[in-house]
Amino acid sequence: MFRRAFWFTTGAAAGVWATTKVQRKIRSLAPDALAVRAADKAVEGGHKLKGFALDVRAGMTQRETELKDALGLSAPPEGERLTELPAQARNRQLGGTVHPTYTYDRKEDH
């Protein structure tokens, strides 16, 4: 009698376990779940690609600095001075910040 009860209980537990496992797999293969998983992978791939692009850009900047130093191009030639815009010079004398002015009129497009 105990033997039958043991095997009956074992069979019922195995059936419940298998049914639960199959139901989870079916839910994970549903179109909504697949779409969410694909979107997550795409976002993750985008973050990796952005990180790679930032690393490449940093490497390019570092290498450009090394090349300029090696060629002696890092400092402007003596006697030459960069000119600045009048608004920037005025703001610097007044201790203010430079705010760009735009002459673009959006009404021209329409």
N, C-alpha and C. Protein backbone atom coordinates (compact mmCIF):
# COMPACT_ATOMS: atom_id res chain seq x y z
N MET A 1 0.81 -1.18 0.00
CA MET A 1 0.00 0.00 0.00
C MET A 1 0.86 1.27 0.00
N PHE A 2 1.91 1.26 0.83
CA PHE A 2 2.79 2.42 0.88
C PHE A 2 3.52 2.60 -0.44
N ARG A 3 3.82 1.50 -1.07
CA ARG A 3 4.51 1.56 -2.35
C ARG A 3 3.66 2.26 -3.39
N ARG A 4 2.41 1.91 -3.47
CA ARG A 4 1.51 2.53 -4.43
C ARG A 4 1.34 4.02 -4.14
N ALA A 5 1.19 4.37 -2.89
CA ALA A 5 1.04 5.78 -2.52
C ALA A 5 2.31 6.56 -2.87
N PHE A 6 3.49 5.96 -2.65
CA PHE A 6 4.75 6.62 -2.98
C PHE A 6 4.83 6.88 -4.48
N TRP A 7 4.57 5.88 -5.31
CA TRP A 7 4.69 6.04 -6.75
C TRP A 7 3.60 6.95 -7.30
N PHE A 8 2.41 6.91 -6.70
CA PHE A 8 1.36 7.83 -7.12
C PHE A 8 1.77 9.27 -6.84
N THR A 9 2.30 9.53 -5.66
CA THR A 9 2.74 10.88 -5.28
C THR A 9 3.90 11.33 -6.16
N THR A 10 4.83 10.43 -6.42
CA THR A 10 5.98 10.75 -7.29
C THR A 10 5.50 11.08 -8.69
N GLY A 11 4.57 10.32 -9.24
CA GLY A 11 4.03 10.58 -10.57
C GLY A 11 3.28 11.90 -10.64
N ALA A 12 2.49 12.19 -9.61
CA ALA A 12 1.75 13.45 -9.58
C ALA A 12 2.70 14.64 -9.51
N ALA A 13 3.74 14.52 -8.69
CA ALA A 13 4.73 15.61 -8.58
C ALA A 13 5.46 15.80 -9.90
N ALA A 14 5.83 14.71 -10.57
CA ALA A 14 6.51 14.81 -11.87
C ALA A 14 5.59 15.44 -12.90
N GLY A 15 4.31 15.11 -12.87
CA GLY A 15 3.35 15.70 -13.80
C GLY A 15 3.18 17.19 -13.57
N VAL A 16 3.09 17.60 -12.31
CA VAL A 16 2.98 19.02 -12.00
C VAL A 16 4.24 19.76 -12.43
N TRP A 17 5.40 19.17 -12.16
CA TRP A 17 6.67 19.81 -12.54
C TRP A 17 6.76 19.96 -14.06
N ALA A 18 6.42 18.89 -14.80
CA ALA A 18 6.50 18.94 -16.27
C ALA A 18 5.50 19.94 -16.84
N THR A 19 4.30 19.97 -16.29
CA THR A 19 3.29 20.91 -16.77
C THR A 19 3.75 22.34 -16.55
N THR A 20 4.30 22.63 -15.38
CA THR A 20 4.80 23.97 -15.07
C THR A 20 5.93 24.36 -16.02
N LYS A 21 6.83 23.42 -16.27
CA LYS A 21 7.97 23.68 -17.16
C LYS A 21 7.48 23.98 -18.58
N VAL A 22 6.53 23.22 -19.08
CA VAL A 22 6.00 23.42 -20.43
C VAL A 22 5.27 24.76 -20.52
N GLN A 23 4.49 25.09 -19.51
CA GLN A 23 3.75 26.37 -19.52
C GLN A 23 4.70 27.57 -19.53
N ARG A 24 5.79 27.49 -18.78
CA ARG A 24 6.79 28.57 -18.80
C ARG A 24 7.41 28.73 -20.17
N LYS A 25 7.73 27.60 -20.80
CA LYS A 25 8.35 27.64 -22.12
C LYS A 25 7.38 28.22 -23.15
N ILE A 26 6.11 27.86 -23.06
CA ILE A 26 5.11 28.39 -23.98
C ILE A 26 4.97 29.90 -23.79
N ARG A 27 4.94 30.36 -22.54
CA ARG A 27 4.85 31.80 -22.28
C ARG A 27 6.08 32.54 -22.79
N SER A 28 7.26 31.93 -22.67
CA SER A 28 8.47 32.62 -23.13
C SER A 28 8.56 32.68 -24.64
N LEU A 29 7.82 31.81 -25.35
CA LEU A 29 7.84 31.82 -26.81
C LEU A 29 6.65 32.56 -27.40
N ALA A 30 5.86 33.20 -26.58
CA ALA A 30 4.73 33.98 -27.07
C ALA A 30 5.26 35.21 -27.81
N PRO A 31 4.51 35.71 -28.80
CA PRO A 31 4.99 36.85 -29.59
C PRO A 31 5.32 38.08 -28.74
N ASP A 32 4.52 38.36 -27.72
CA ASP A 32 4.81 39.52 -26.87
C ASP A 32 6.14 39.36 -26.14
N ALA A 33 6.36 38.17 -25.61
CA ALA A 33 7.61 37.93 -24.88
C ALA A 33 8.81 37.99 -25.82
N LEU A 34 8.65 37.47 -27.03
CA LEU A 34 9.75 37.53 -28.00
C LEU A 34 10.05 38.97 -28.40
N ALA A 35 9.01 39.78 -28.56
CA ALA A 35 9.22 41.19 -28.93
C ALA A 35 9.95 41.94 -27.82
N VAL A 36 9.56 41.69 -26.58
CA VAL A 36 10.22 42.36 -25.45
C VAL A 36 11.68 41.94 -25.37
N ARG A 37 11.93 40.64 -25.55
CA ARG A 37 13.31 40.14 -25.49
C ARG A 37 14.16 40.73 -26.62
N ALA A 38 13.57 40.82 -27.83
CA ALA A 38 14.31 41.39 -28.96
C ALA A 38 14.61 42.87 -28.72
N ALA A 39 13.64 43.59 -28.17
CA ALA A 39 13.87 45.01 -27.88
C ALA A 39 14.96 45.20 -26.84
N ASP A 40 14.96 44.36 -25.82
CA ASP A 40 16.00 44.44 -24.79
C ASP A 40 17.38 44.17 -25.38
N LYS A 41 17.46 43.18 -26.25
CA LYS A 41 18.75 42.87 -26.89
C LYS A 41 19.19 44.01 -27.79
N ALA A 42 18.25 44.64 -28.49
CA ALA A 42 18.61 45.76 -29.36
C ALA A 42 19.14 46.94 -28.55
N VAL A 43 18.50 47.24 -27.43
CA VAL A 43 18.95 48.33 -26.57
C VAL A 43 20.33 48.01 -26.01
N GLU A 44 20.52 46.78 -25.58
CA GLU A 44 21.82 46.36 -25.04
C GLU A 44 22.90 46.48 -26.11
N GLY A 45 22.57 46.06 -27.33
CA GLY A 45 23.54 46.18 -28.43
C GLY A 45 23.86 47.63 -28.75
N GLY A 46 22.85 48.49 -28.67
CA GLY A 46 23.08 49.92 -28.90
C GLY A 46 24.00 50.52 -27.87
N HIS A 47 23.84 50.11 -26.60
CA HIS A 47 24.72 50.62 -25.54
C HIS A 47 26.16 50.14 -25.77
N LYS A 48 26.31 48.89 -26.19
CA LYS A 48 27.66 48.38 -26.46
C LYS A 48 28.29 49.12 -27.63
N LEU A 49 27.49 49.39 -28.67
CA LEU A 49 28.00 50.10 -29.84
C LEU A 49 28.39 51.53 -29.49
N LYS A 50 27.58 52.18 -28.65
CA LYS A 50 27.90 53.54 -28.21
C LYS A 50 29.20 53.56 -27.41
N GLY A 51 29.36 52.57 -26.52
CA GLY A 51 30.60 52.48 -25.75
C GLY A 51 31.82 52.28 -26.64
N PHE A 52 31.65 51.43 -27.67
CA PHE A 52 32.74 51.21 -28.61
C PHE A 52 33.08 52.49 -29.36
N ALA A 53 32.04 53.21 -29.81
CA ALA A 53 32.28 54.46 -30.54
C ALA A 53 32.99 55.49 -29.66
N LEU A 54 32.61 55.57 -28.39
CA LEU A 54 33.27 56.51 -27.48
C LEU A 54 34.73 56.12 -27.25
N ASP A 55 35.00 54.82 -27.15
CA ASP A 55 36.37 54.36 -26.99
C ASP A 55 37.21 54.69 -28.23
N VAL A 56 36.62 54.49 -29.41
CA VAL A 56 37.33 54.81 -30.66
C VAL A 56 37.61 56.30 -30.73
N ARG A 57 36.62 57.11 -30.38
CA ARG A 57 36.81 58.56 -30.43
C ARG A 57 37.89 59.02 -29.46
N ALA A 58 37.91 58.43 -28.26
CA ALA A 58 38.94 58.79 -27.29
C ALA A 58 40.32 58.38 -27.80
N GLY A 59 40.40 57.21 -28.41
CA GLY A 59 41.67 56.76 -28.98
C GLY A 59 42.13 57.67 -30.11
N MET A 60 41.18 58.10 -30.93
CA MET A 60 41.53 59.00 -32.03
C MET A 60 42.06 60.32 -31.49
N THR A 61 41.41 60.85 -30.49
CA THR A 61 41.84 62.11 -29.90
C THR A 61 43.23 61.99 -29.28
N GLN A 62 43.45 60.88 -28.59
CA GLN A 62 44.75 60.66 -27.96
C GLN A 62 45.84 60.54 -29.03
N ARG A 63 45.56 59.78 -30.08
CA ARG A 63 46.55 59.60 -31.14
C ARG A 63 46.80 60.91 -31.87
N GLU A 64 45.76 61.71 -32.09
CA GLU A 64 45.94 63.00 -32.74
C GLU A 64 46.83 63.92 -31.90
N THR A 65 46.63 63.90 -30.59
CA THR A 65 47.46 64.70 -29.70
C THR A 65 48.91 64.23 -29.76
N GLU A 66 49.11 62.92 -29.77
CA GLU A 66 50.47 62.38 -29.87
C GLU A 66 51.14 62.80 -31.16
N LEU A 67 50.40 62.73 -32.27
CA LEU A 67 50.97 63.12 -33.56
C LEU A 67 51.28 64.61 -33.61
N LYS A 68 50.38 65.43 -33.06
CA LYS A 68 50.64 66.87 -33.05
C LYS A 68 51.87 67.20 -32.21
N ASP A 69 52.02 66.53 -31.07
CA ASP A 69 53.20 66.75 -30.24
C ASP A 69 54.47 66.31 -30.96
N ALA A 70 54.39 65.18 -31.65
CA ALA A 70 55.57 64.66 -32.36
C ALA A 70 55.97 65.58 -33.51
N LEU A 71 54.98 66.20 -34.16
CA LEU A 71 55.27 67.08 -35.29
C LEU A 71 55.46 68.53 -34.87
N GLY A 72 55.27 68.82 -33.60
CA GLY A 72 55.44 70.18 -33.11
C GLY A 72 54.30 71.10 -33.50
N LEU A 73 53.11 70.56 -33.66
CA LEU A 73 51.95 71.36 -34.08
C LEU A 73 51.01 71.68 -32.93
N SER A 74 51.41 71.36 -31.71
CA SER A 74 50.48 71.53 -30.60
C SER A 74 50.32 72.99 -30.18
N ALA A 75 51.31 73.84 -30.39
CA ALA A 75 51.22 75.25 -30.00
C ALA A 75 51.12 76.10 -31.26
N PRO A 76 50.37 77.20 -31.23
CA PRO A 76 50.30 78.07 -32.41
C PRO A 76 51.66 78.73 -32.64
N PRO A 77 52.00 79.02 -33.89
CA PRO A 77 53.28 79.68 -34.18
C PRO A 77 53.38 81.01 -33.46
N GLU A 78 54.60 81.37 -33.11
CA GLU A 78 54.82 82.61 -32.38
C GLU A 78 54.47 83.79 -33.28
N GLY A 79 53.92 84.81 -32.67
CA GLY A 79 53.53 85.99 -33.44
C GLY A 79 52.09 85.91 -33.91
N GLU A 80 51.54 84.71 -34.01
CA GLU A 80 50.14 84.57 -34.43
C GLU A 80 49.28 84.44 -33.19
N ARG A 81 48.17 85.08 -33.23
CA ARG A 81 47.23 85.00 -32.12
C ARG A 81 45.85 84.81 -32.70
N LEU A 82 45.11 83.94 -32.09
CA LEU A 82 43.75 83.72 -32.57
C LEU A 82 42.91 84.94 -32.24
N THR A 83 42.12 85.36 -33.20
CA THR A 83 41.24 86.50 -32.95
C THR A 83 39.92 85.97 -32.41
N GLU A 84 39.28 86.77 -31.62
CA GLU A 84 37.99 86.36 -31.08
C GLU A 84 36.93 87.33 -31.54
N LEU A 85 35.74 86.88 -31.46
CA LEU A 85 34.62 87.72 -31.86
C LEU A 85 34.47 88.88 -30.90
N PRO A 86 33.98 90.02 -31.35
CA PRO A 86 33.84 91.18 -30.46
C PRO A 86 32.95 90.90 -29.26
N ALA A 87 31.89 90.15 -29.45
CA ALA A 87 30.98 89.85 -28.33
C ALA A 87 31.70 89.04 -27.27
N GLN A 88 32.54 88.11 -27.70
CA GLN A 88 33.28 87.30 -26.73
C GLN A 88 34.27 88.15 -25.95
N ALA A 89 34.97 89.06 -26.64
CA ALA A 89 35.94 89.92 -25.96
C ALA A 89 35.23 90.83 -24.96
N ARG A 90 34.09 91.39 -25.36
CA ARG A 90 33.35 92.28 -24.48
C ARG A 90 32.85 91.52 -23.25
N ASN A 91 32.32 90.33 -23.45
CA ASN A 91 31.82 89.54 -22.33
C ASN A 91 32.94 89.11 -21.40
N ARG A 92 34.09 88.83 -21.96
CA ARG A 92 35.21 88.44 -21.11
C ARG A 92 35.65 89.61 -20.24
N GLN A 93 35.66 90.82 -20.80
CA GLN A 93 36.04 92.00 -20.02
C GLN A 93 35.03 92.27 -18.91
N LEU A 94 33.77 91.97 -19.20
CA LEU A 94 32.73 92.22 -18.21
C LEU A 94 32.57 91.05 -17.24
N GLY A 95 33.25 89.96 -17.52
CA GLY A 95 33.17 88.79 -16.64
C GLY A 95 31.92 87.96 -16.85
N GLY A 96 31.25 88.14 -17.96
CA GLY A 96 30.02 87.39 -18.23
C GLY A 96 30.29 86.18 -19.11
N THR A 97 29.24 85.47 -19.38
CA THR A 97 29.36 84.30 -20.24
C THR A 97 28.93 84.68 -21.64
N VAL A 98 29.40 83.91 -22.60
CA VAL A 98 29.10 84.19 -24.00
C VAL A 98 27.84 83.42 -24.38
N HIS A 99 26.86 84.13 -24.88
CA HIS A 99 25.64 83.52 -25.38
C HIS A 99 25.56 83.80 -26.87
N PRO A 100 25.47 82.77 -27.69
CA PRO A 100 25.43 83.01 -29.13
C PRO A 100 24.11 83.68 -29.53
N THR A 101 24.20 84.49 -30.56
CA THR A 101 22.99 85.11 -31.10
C THR A 101 22.73 84.47 -32.45
N TYR A 102 21.48 84.15 -32.70
CA TYR A 102 21.10 83.52 -33.95
C TYR A 102 20.25 84.49 -34.76
N THR A 103 20.55 84.60 -36.03
CA THR A 103 19.78 85.47 -36.91
C THR A 103 18.80 84.67 -37.74
N TYR A 104 18.65 83.44 -37.44
CA TYR A 104 17.79 82.55 -38.19
C TYR A 104 16.33 82.86 -37.87
N ASP A 105 15.56 83.14 -38.90
CA ASP A 105 14.14 83.43 -38.73
C ASP A 105 13.35 82.23 -39.20
N ARG A 106 12.63 81.60 -38.30
CA ARG A 106 11.89 80.38 -38.65
C ARG A 106 10.74 80.66 -39.59
N LYS A 107 10.30 81.89 -39.69
CA LYS A 107 9.17 82.20 -40.57
C LYS A 107 9.55 82.09 -42.03
N GLU A 108 10.85 82.12 -42.32
CA GLU A 108 11.29 82.02 -43.70
C GLU A 108 11.00 80.65 -44.30
N ASP A 109 10.94 79.63 -43.47
CA ASP A 109 10.73 78.28 -43.97
C ASP A 109 9.29 78.04 -44.40
N HIS A 110 8.36 78.79 -43.88
CA HIS A 110 6.93 78.47 -44.12
C HIS A 110 6.31 79.38 -45.11
